[in-house]
Amino acid sequence: MAELLKLENVWAGYGEAVVLEDISFSLEAAGSLALLGRNGMGKTTLLATLMGATRLKSGRLHFDGRDLAVVGSHRRAALGLGWVPQERDIFPSLTVEENLTVVARPGPWNLERAYEMFPRLAERKANMGNQLSGGEQQMLALARALMLNPKLLLLDKPLEGLAPLIVQDLLRIIGRMVAAGDMAIILVEQHAHQILPLTKQALVLERGRVVYNGDSDNLRADRSQLDKWLGVGSH
């Protein structure tokens, strides 16, 4: 499989503050990466850097054969980057269907396929965004990102704050998305045991630096390292 994303010695942050230090990794087309680390270790900043929302101090960002550093943040979605931020950012005054169609781009993900993946949204397609529960809003944020038909989908803590039954629904959906192979996925989550079974590759950040870059199954089997980096005993 061809390489889709490559970071080489990336240093980035906000203003003069450096959050990410010497980050290097690559992801192939249709690959899946669990981005792990305790709170405040740079996971969200890494996604924001890919979307152009931080200050790149040095290093190189390559996406689909292009230098991302010269692509404005407003153009990265059109380039093939989809982002579901922790805040979801759905349009509260639009219906579910309007939320989905207003951003739609040509590709395998269309309204019919989105409703098949998220039947709850089909049931509520005429409801306004602000009439949905938290779990439904997260489903809408995911489905809306898919309607962009991205080459790479970035998911920032999509399970946080949701009821256990909704979490299980979303884990099944994310697993189907990975298996479909339409795009690459980078998934940020605090609970390693929930997402490592879904991904092929894992990256662990500690204080803005990479401390693990390798196979998800190998990391999942290494309980001592998981506990050291992530405190899995508390999850």
Foldseek 3Di string as FASTA:
>chain_A
DAWFKWWAQWWWAADPDTQAGGDTDTARFLAEEEEEFAPSQCRVVVVCVQLVNIGTPDTFIAGRRDTSVPPHSVCVLVVFEFEQAPVRPFDQAQFLQCSQPVQADDDDQDPVVLCVLPVVCVVRRRPGLVVDDPLVSLSSSVSSSVRSQGQEYEYAASPPPDDPVSSVSVLVSLLVVSVVSSHYYYYYHLALVSPLVSGQWYFYGGSNYTPDTGGSVVVVPPVVVCCVGRVNVVD
